[in-house]
Protein backbone atom coordinates (compact mmCIF):
# COMPACT_ATOMS: atom_id res chain seq x y z
CA UNK A 1 -0.10 -0.12 -0.13
CA UNK A 2 1.28 4.01 -0.95
CA UNK A 3 1.07 5.47 1.99
CA UNK A 4 1.05 9.71 2.67
CA UNK A 5 1.63 12.07 5.26
CA UNK A 6 -1.55 13.58 6.26
CA UNK A 7 -3.04 14.63 2.73
CA UNK A 8 -3.89 18.15 3.50
CA UNK A 9 -4.94 21.16 1.76
CA UNK A 10 -6.31 21.74 -1.30
CA UNK A 11 -6.65 25.71 -2.04
CA UNK A 12 -10.54 26.32 -0.83
CA UNK A 13 -11.64 29.56 -2.79
CA UNK A 14 -9.63 31.79 -0.86
CA UNK A 15 -5.97 30.29 -1.79
CA UNK A 16 -4.46 29.79 -5.19
CA UNK A 17 -4.55 26.20 -6.05
CA UNK A 18 -0.91 26.06 -7.41
CA UNK A 19 0.62 26.86 -3.70
CA UNK A 20 -1.28 23.90 -2.45
CA UNK A 21 -0.15 21.70 -5.17
CA UNK A 22 3.65 22.59 -4.56
CA UNK A 23 3.18 22.15 -0.54
CA UNK A 24 1.19 19.73 0.31
CA UNK A 25 0.54 15.66 -0.65
CA UNK A 26 -2.29 13.85 -1.91
CA UNK A 27 -3.39 10.12 -1.40
CA UNK A 28 -2.16 7.58 -3.86
CA UNK A 29 -4.21 5.23 -6.16
CA UNK A 30 -3.20 2.54 -4.76
CA UNK A 31 -5.25 -1.41 -4.92
CA UNK A 32 -3.99 -1.73 -1.33
CA UNK A 33 -5.01 -5.42 -0.03
CA UNK A 34 -8.76 -4.63 -1.86
CA UNK A 35 -10.00 -7.31 -3.85
CA UNK A 36 -13.48 -8.80 -5.31
CA UNK A 37 -16.04 -10.73 -3.46
CA UNK A 38 -13.88 -9.38 -0.35
CA UNK A 39 -16.57 -10.55 1.87
CA UNK A 40 -17.86 -13.76 0.32
CA UNK A 41 -16.81 -15.71 3.36
CA UNK A 42 -17.11 -13.58 6.50
CA UNK A 43 -20.31 -11.82 5.42
CA UNK A 44 -21.42 -13.25 2.00
CA UNK A 45 -24.94 -11.09 2.08
CA UNK A 46 -23.03 -7.68 2.55
CA UNK A 47 -23.37 -6.31 -1.05
CA UNK A 48 -27.20 -7.79 -1.32
CA UNK A 49 -28.22 -6.08 2.28
CA UNK A 50 -26.31 -2.55 0.88
CA UNK A 51 -28.87 -3.06 -2.34
CA UNK A 52 -31.58 -3.81 -0.61
CA UNK A 53 -31.51 -0.87 1.83
CA UNK A 54 -30.34 1.40 -1.18
CA UNK A 55 -33.56 0.46 -2.78
CA UNK A 56 -35.96 0.98 0.20
CA UNK A 57 -34.31 4.30 0.38
CA UNK A 58 -34.80 5.18 -3.00
CA UNK A 59 -38.76 4.21 -2.74
CA UNK A 60 -39.18 5.98 0.14
CA UNK A 61 -37.30 9.49 -1.69
CA UNK A 62 -35.33 9.45 -4.82
CA UNK A 63 -33.30 12.06 -4.13
CA UNK A 64 -31.36 10.15 -1.20
CA UNK A 65 -29.54 7.65 -3.25
CA UNK A 66 -28.15 10.81 -5.61
CA UNK A 67 -27.18 11.96 -2.41
CA UNK A 68 -25.11 9.12 -1.25
CA UNK A 69 -23.79 8.32 -4.47
CA UNK A 70 -21.72 11.69 -4.14
CA UNK A 71 -20.36 10.18 -0.58
CA UNK A 72 -17.66 8.59 -2.66
CA UNK A 73 -16.43 11.60 -4.21
CA UNK A 74 -16.03 13.63 -0.82
CA UNK A 75 -14.58 10.71 1.02
CA UNK A 76 -12.10 9.48 -0.96
CA UNK A 77 -10.47 12.81 -2.11
CA UNK A 78 -9.84 13.69 1.65
CA UNK A 79 -7.23 11.57 2.97
CA UNK A 80 -8.57 8.10 1.14
CA UNK A 81 -11.36 5.78 1.20
CA UNK A 82 -12.09 5.79 4.88
CA UNK A 83 -15.52 6.97 5.62
CA UNK A 84 -14.15 9.95 7.21
CA UNK A 85 -16.76 12.26 5.90
CA UNK A 86 -19.07 9.82 8.65
CA UNK A 87 -17.87 10.98 11.55
CA UNK A 88 -19.68 13.26 14.03
CA UNK A 89 -17.87 15.93 15.57
CA UNK A 90 -16.25 15.23 19.05
CA UNK A 91 -15.41 17.82 21.54
CA UNK A 92 -11.90 17.74 20.61
CA UNK A 93 -12.40 16.76 16.40
CA UNK A 94 -14.08 19.19 13.85
CA UNK A 95 -15.16 16.59 11.36
CA UNK A 96 -15.85 16.92 7.53
CA UNK A 97 -19.91 17.18 7.64
CA UNK A 98 -19.91 20.72 8.28
CA UNK A 99 -16.82 21.52 6.12
CA UNK A 100 -17.76 24.17 3.03
CA UNK A 101 -18.16 21.80 0.41
CA UNK A 102 -21.01 19.37 2.68
CA UNK A 103 -22.62 21.68 4.78
CA UNK A 104 -25.78 21.87 3.89
CA UNK A 105 -24.83 19.88 0.75
CA UNK A 106 -24.53 16.11 1.52
CA UNK A 107 -27.50 14.61 3.39
CA UNK A 108 -28.57 11.17 3.78
CA UNK A 109 -26.45 9.97 6.39
CA UNK A 110 -29.13 8.46 7.66
CA UNK A 111 -29.01 5.63 4.72
CA UNK A 112 -25.71 4.70 5.47
CA UNK A 113 -26.54 4.08 8.91
CA UNK A 114 -29.32 2.33 7.84
CA UNK A 115 -27.29 0.07 5.97
CA UNK A 116 -24.57 -0.26 8.70
CA UNK A 117 -27.27 -1.26 11.48
CA UNK A 118 -28.51 -4.02 8.93
CA UNK A 119 -25.29 -5.36 8.25
CA UNK A 120 -24.45 -5.42 11.92
CA UNK A 121 -27.33 -7.54 12.83
CA UNK A 122 -26.56 -10.28 10.15
CA UNK A 123 -22.48 -9.63 10.23
CA UNK A 124 -21.56 -7.68 13.40
CA UNK A 125 -17.88 -6.12 13.24
CA UNK A 126 -17.14 -7.21 9.40
CA UNK A 127 -17.99 -4.56 6.58
CA UNK A 128 -16.86 -1.31 7.29
CA UNK A 129 -18.30 1.92 6.41
CA UNK A 130 -15.52 3.07 3.81
CA UNK A 131 -16.65 -0.12 2.02
CA UNK A 132 -20.67 0.34 2.38
CA UNK A 133 -19.94 3.83 0.75
CA UNK A 134 -18.16 2.12 -1.93
CA UNK A 135 -21.35 -0.39 -2.43
CA UNK A 136 -24.16 2.43 -1.66
CA UNK A 137 -22.52 4.85 -4.20
CA UNK A 138 -22.43 1.86 -7.07
CA UNK A 139 -25.97 0.80 -6.37
CA UNK A 140 -27.27 4.33 -6.17
CA UNK A 141 -26.01 4.20 -10.02
CA UNK A 142 -27.92 1.37 -11.13
CA UNK A 143 -30.87 1.55 -8.74
CA UNK A 144 -31.51 4.80 -10.88
CA UNK A 145 -30.83 3.18 -14.54
CA UNK A 146 -26.89 3.38 -14.56
CA UNK A 147 -24.54 0.88 -14.95
CA UNK A 148 -23.52 -2.02 -12.48
CA UNK A 149 -19.95 -3.08 -11.85
CA UNK A 150 -18.08 -4.85 -9.14
CA UNK A 151 -16.09 -2.98 -6.54
CA UNK A 152 -13.46 -4.37 -4.80
CA UNK A 153 -13.71 -3.87 -1.53
CA UNK A 154 -11.33 -4.82 2.38
CA UNK A 155 -11.54 -0.76 3.27
CA UNK A 156 -10.80 0.13 7.11
CA UNK A 157 -12.74 3.04 8.38
CA UNK A 158 -10.64 6.10 9.80
CA UNK A 159 -10.00 6.91 13.26
CA UNK A 160 -10.30 10.49 12.70
CA UNK A 161 -11.20 13.45 10.63
CA UNK A 162 -10.60 16.86 9.26
CA UNK A 163 -13.06 20.06 8.32
CA UNK A 164 -9.65 21.56 7.62
CA UNK A 165 -8.66 19.22 5.03
CA UNK A 166 -12.25 18.86 3.13
CA UNK A 167 -12.38 22.70 3.75
CA UNK A 168 -8.59 22.82 1.67
CA UNK A 169 -9.22 19.70 -0.59
CA UNK A 170 -12.78 19.82 -2.07
CA UNK A 171 -13.42 22.02 -5.20
CA UNK A 172 -16.00 24.93 -5.03
CA UNK A 173 -18.99 25.12 -7.13
CA UNK A 174 -17.09 27.94 -8.43
CA UNK A 175 -14.42 26.30 -9.66
CA UNK A 176 -13.21 26.64 -13.34
CA UNK A 177 -11.96 23.74 -15.55
CA UNK A 178 -8.47 24.36 -15.13
CA UNK A 179 -8.29 24.09 -11.76
CA UNK A 180 -10.48 20.85 -12.18
CA UNK A 181 -8.17 19.01 -14.38
CA UNK A 182 -5.14 19.98 -11.87
CA UNK A 183 -6.61 18.66 -8.92
CA UNK A 184 -7.48 15.55 -10.68
CA UNK A 185 -4.29 15.02 -11.77
CA UNK A 186 -2.86 14.77 -8.31
CA UNK A 187 -4.93 11.82 -8.03
CA UNK A 188 -3.64 10.28 -11.24
CA UNK A 189 -7.05 10.97 -12.54
CA UNK A 190 -7.20 11.95 -16.14
CA UNK A 191 -9.30 14.58 -17.94
CA UNK A 192 -11.65 12.05 -19.30
CA UNK A 193 -12.26 10.83 -15.91
CA UNK A 194 -13.07 13.99 -14.60
CA UNK A 195 -15.67 14.50 -17.46
CA UNK A 196 -16.90 11.35 -16.99
CA UNK A 197 -16.89 11.41 -12.80
CA UNK A 198 -18.70 15.07 -13.38
CA UNK A 199 -21.36 12.79 -14.47
CA UNK A 200 -22.46 12.06 -11.34
CA UNK A 201 -24.84 15.28 -11.64
CA UNK A 202 -26.59 13.29 -13.73
CA UNK A 203 -28.91 12.77 -10.49
CA UNK A 204 -29.73 14.69 -7.86
CA UNK A 205 -30.22 18.81 -7.20
CA UNK A 206 -27.87 21.50 -6.20
CA UNK A 207 -29.12 24.69 -4.36
CA UNK A 208 -29.28 28.42 -5.31
CA UNK A 209 -26.36 29.45 -2.77
CA UNK A 210 -24.32 27.50 -5.38
CA UNK A 211 -24.99 29.59 -8.31
CA UNK A 212 -26.25 32.91 -7.22
CA UNK A 213 -22.58 34.37 -8.60
CA UNK A 214 -23.43 32.70 -11.75
CA UNK A 215 -26.87 34.55 -11.97
CA UNK A 216 -26.18 37.93 -11.18
CA UNK A 217 -21.95 38.28 -10.77
CA UNK A 218 -19.89 35.61 -13.04
CA UNK A 219 -16.21 37.04 -12.89
CA UNK A 220 -17.04 40.20 -10.76
CA UNK A 221 -18.89 41.74 -13.88
CA UNK A 222 -22.30 41.94 -12.09
CA UNK A 223 -23.72 40.31 -14.96
CA UNK A 224 -24.67 36.54 -15.36
CA UNK A 225 -22.49 34.25 -17.14
CA UNK A 226 -22.87 34.60 -20.19
CA UNK A 227 -22.46 30.46 -21.32
CA UNK A 228 -26.05 30.33 -20.06
CA UNK A 229 -28.44 29.56 -22.65
CA UNK A 230 -31.40 32.53 -22.38
CA UNK A 231 -34.46 30.58 -21.54
CA UNK A 232 -32.60 28.76 -18.88
CA UNK A 233 -31.28 31.97 -17.46
CA UNK A 234 -34.72 33.39 -17.31
CA UNK A 235 -35.89 29.61 -15.59
CA UNK A 236 -33.02 30.35 -13.08
CA UNK A 237 -33.71 33.98 -11.87
CA UNK A 238 -37.21 33.16 -11.37
CA UNK A 239 -35.98 30.17 -9.07
CA UNK A 240 -33.41 31.92 -7.27
CA UNK A 241 -34.23 35.78 -7.31
CA UNK A 242 -32.26 37.92 -4.99
CA UNK A 243 -33.67 37.83 -1.35
CA UNK A 244 -34.33 33.78 -2.07
CA UNK A 245 -33.77 31.11 0.10
CA UNK A 246 -30.22 30.07 -1.00
CA UNK A 247 -31.02 26.68 0.25
CA UNK A 248 -34.11 26.19 -2.85
CA UNK A 249 -32.93 23.28 -4.62
CA UNK A 250 -32.82 22.90 -8.55
CA UNK A 251 -32.54 19.57 -10.61
CA UNK A 252 -28.93 19.40 -11.75
CA UNK A 253 -30.21 18.05 -15.24
CA UNK A 254 -33.71 17.71 -16.86
CA UNK A 255 -33.68 14.10 -15.53
CA UNK A 256 -32.29 14.35 -12.18
CA UNK A 257 -34.11 10.40 -10.96
CA UNK A 258 -32.39 8.87 -14.20
CA UNK A 259 -28.57 7.97 -14.33
CA UNK A 260 -28.30 8.75 -17.88
CA UNK A 261 -26.19 10.97 -20.44
CA UNK A 262 -28.58 13.84 -20.48
CA UNK A 263 -26.19 15.87 -18.23
CA UNK A 264 -23.73 16.15 -21.19
CA UNK A 265 -26.52 16.99 -23.40
CA UNK A 266 -27.73 20.01 -21.18
CA UNK A 267 -23.83 21.10 -20.80
CA UNK A 268 -23.84 21.55 -24.89
CA UNK A 269 -27.02 23.41 -24.44
CA UNK A 270 -26.00 25.46 -22.00
CA UNK A 271 -27.87 24.19 -19.26
CA UNK A 272 -25.48 23.11 -17.20
CA UNK A 273 -26.45 24.44 -13.34
CA UNK A 274 -23.27 24.71 -12.01
CA UNK A 275 -19.94 26.69 -13.06
CA UNK A 276 -17.87 23.97 -12.60
CA UNK A 277 -20.52 21.94 -14.62
CA UNK A 278 -20.65 24.33 -17.76
CA UNK A 279 -16.87 25.23 -17.91
CA UNK A 280 -16.30 21.73 -18.68
CA UNK A 281 -17.97 22.53 -22.03
CA UNK A 282 -16.37 25.90 -22.48
CA UNK A 283 -13.13 24.87 -22.03
CA UNK A 284 -11.24 23.36 -25.08
CA UNK A 285 -9.76 20.07 -23.13
CA UNK A 286 -12.60 18.74 -21.67
CA UNK A 287 -15.19 19.88 -24.17
CA UNK A 288 -14.42 16.84 -26.41
CA UNK A 289 -15.72 14.22 -23.91
CA UNK A 290 -18.49 16.34 -23.49
CA UNK A 291 -19.90 16.17 -26.92
CA UNK A 292 -18.50 12.35 -26.90
CA UNK A 293 -20.57 11.47 -23.88
CA UNK A 294 -23.73 13.67 -24.96
CA UNK A 295 -23.71 11.30 -28.20
CA UNK A 296 -22.79 8.07 -26.61
CA UNK A 297 -24.08 6.76 -23.48
CA UNK A 298 -22.52 4.25 -23.32
CA UNK A 299 -19.22 5.19 -24.00
CA UNK A 300 -19.82 7.47 -21.14
CA UNK A 301 -21.15 4.45 -18.12
CA UNK A 302 -17.80 2.95 -19.62
CA UNK A 303 -15.76 5.50 -18.53
CA UNK A 304 -17.75 5.94 -15.38
CA UNK A 305 -17.40 2.98 -14.02
CA UNK A 306 -13.30 3.32 -14.98
CA UNK A 307 -13.20 6.51 -13.03
CA UNK A 308 -15.35 5.29 -10.14
CA UNK A 309 -13.06 2.29 -9.98
CA UNK A 310 -9.97 4.21 -10.18
CA UNK A 311 -11.40 6.62 -7.30
CA UNK A 312 -12.08 4.14 -5.12
CA UNK A 313 -8.61 2.88 -4.86
CA UNK A 314 -7.28 5.68 -3.38
CA UNK A 315 -5.74 5.33 0.23
CA UNK A 316 -3.94 6.88 2.61
CA UNK A 317 -2.33 4.35 4.23
CA UNK A 318 -3.21 5.17 7.63
CA UNK A 319 -4.20 2.80 10.52
CA UNK A 320 -7.99 1.75 10.73
CA UNK A 321 -11.00 -0.19 12.08
CA UNK A 322 -14.29 -1.27 11.01
CA UNK A 323 -16.40 0.91 13.05
CA UNK A 324 -19.43 -0.68 14.46
CA UNK A 325 -21.51 2.78 14.03
CA UNK A 326 -20.50 4.98 11.12
CA UNK A 327 -20.59 8.13 12.90
CA UNK A 328 -18.26 7.14 16.03
CA UNK A 329 -14.35 5.53 16.42
CA UNK A 330 -15.18 2.08 18.68
CA UNK A 331 -15.14 2.59 22.22
CA UNK A 332 -16.88 6.74 22.13
CA UNK A 333 -20.31 7.31 22.47
CA UNK A 334 -22.58 8.74 20.12
CA UNK A 335 -23.18 12.33 21.42
CA UNK A 336 -26.92 13.35 20.86
């Protein structure tokens, strides 16, 4: 396993990205001890249980599985795939749930809680929360009409979390294609991986908060982003006027409950919701992949699976455990 020092800091919106790349290290891509069918002997029902609980969550609230699907990105980019993002704050630790990228954005933690509780009844102390995130993310894609694929498992759960690391690593909705390419390259993820993985926005919703600058002050001009298609812009003005509750949500693409390539078609049409989405079409190096995926859903699915698998291999090399409760390390009590 390739290990890293504390995978601290990617520049947040207030710090230049290049300073971060010069100063800090990232998780490495490594198979660690991951393998297919990891729980075939210790908990043979594990993957079926995860899919069953995810299916029930999808029936209750379709948006919830989109939320869980994005857990993999928010977890793996911050010190590797170790379920650090699931830890609640403690008196001595500020976790990642209230970080800039996660607060008022990530949701449906209770779905993972339900998965874990079910697994603990059948196979106590066996299945890690980090592996649950990987399985649940895969199942969220499949349950909404996307591809299915085998996942390698065997991760351990972290013993700590860091709000600071999440703040400094996770990109902003304002990110442009250049900064995103630089970030992904530090994880050995290609431009194609970046565009394909951005297709996770094929399902789910975003907040007015994330687009207000695009609508009213793009690049400090006091005007909307000219890349926004005029009719779509008028629709956004109505949904997100000045003074609106900025937690009001909007669809990330025009088929928010179906995992398909409509996201890329929307980008081509100037109907990308987030700046970090539309920039993939307005920037030359990424545009070719947006166009390709908009015309070839099968190719998008294949590239998405490849990107998710590579991202799932990110490991920090730090000590870990299999948590009994995904919100706390073993030996600690849940603070109510």
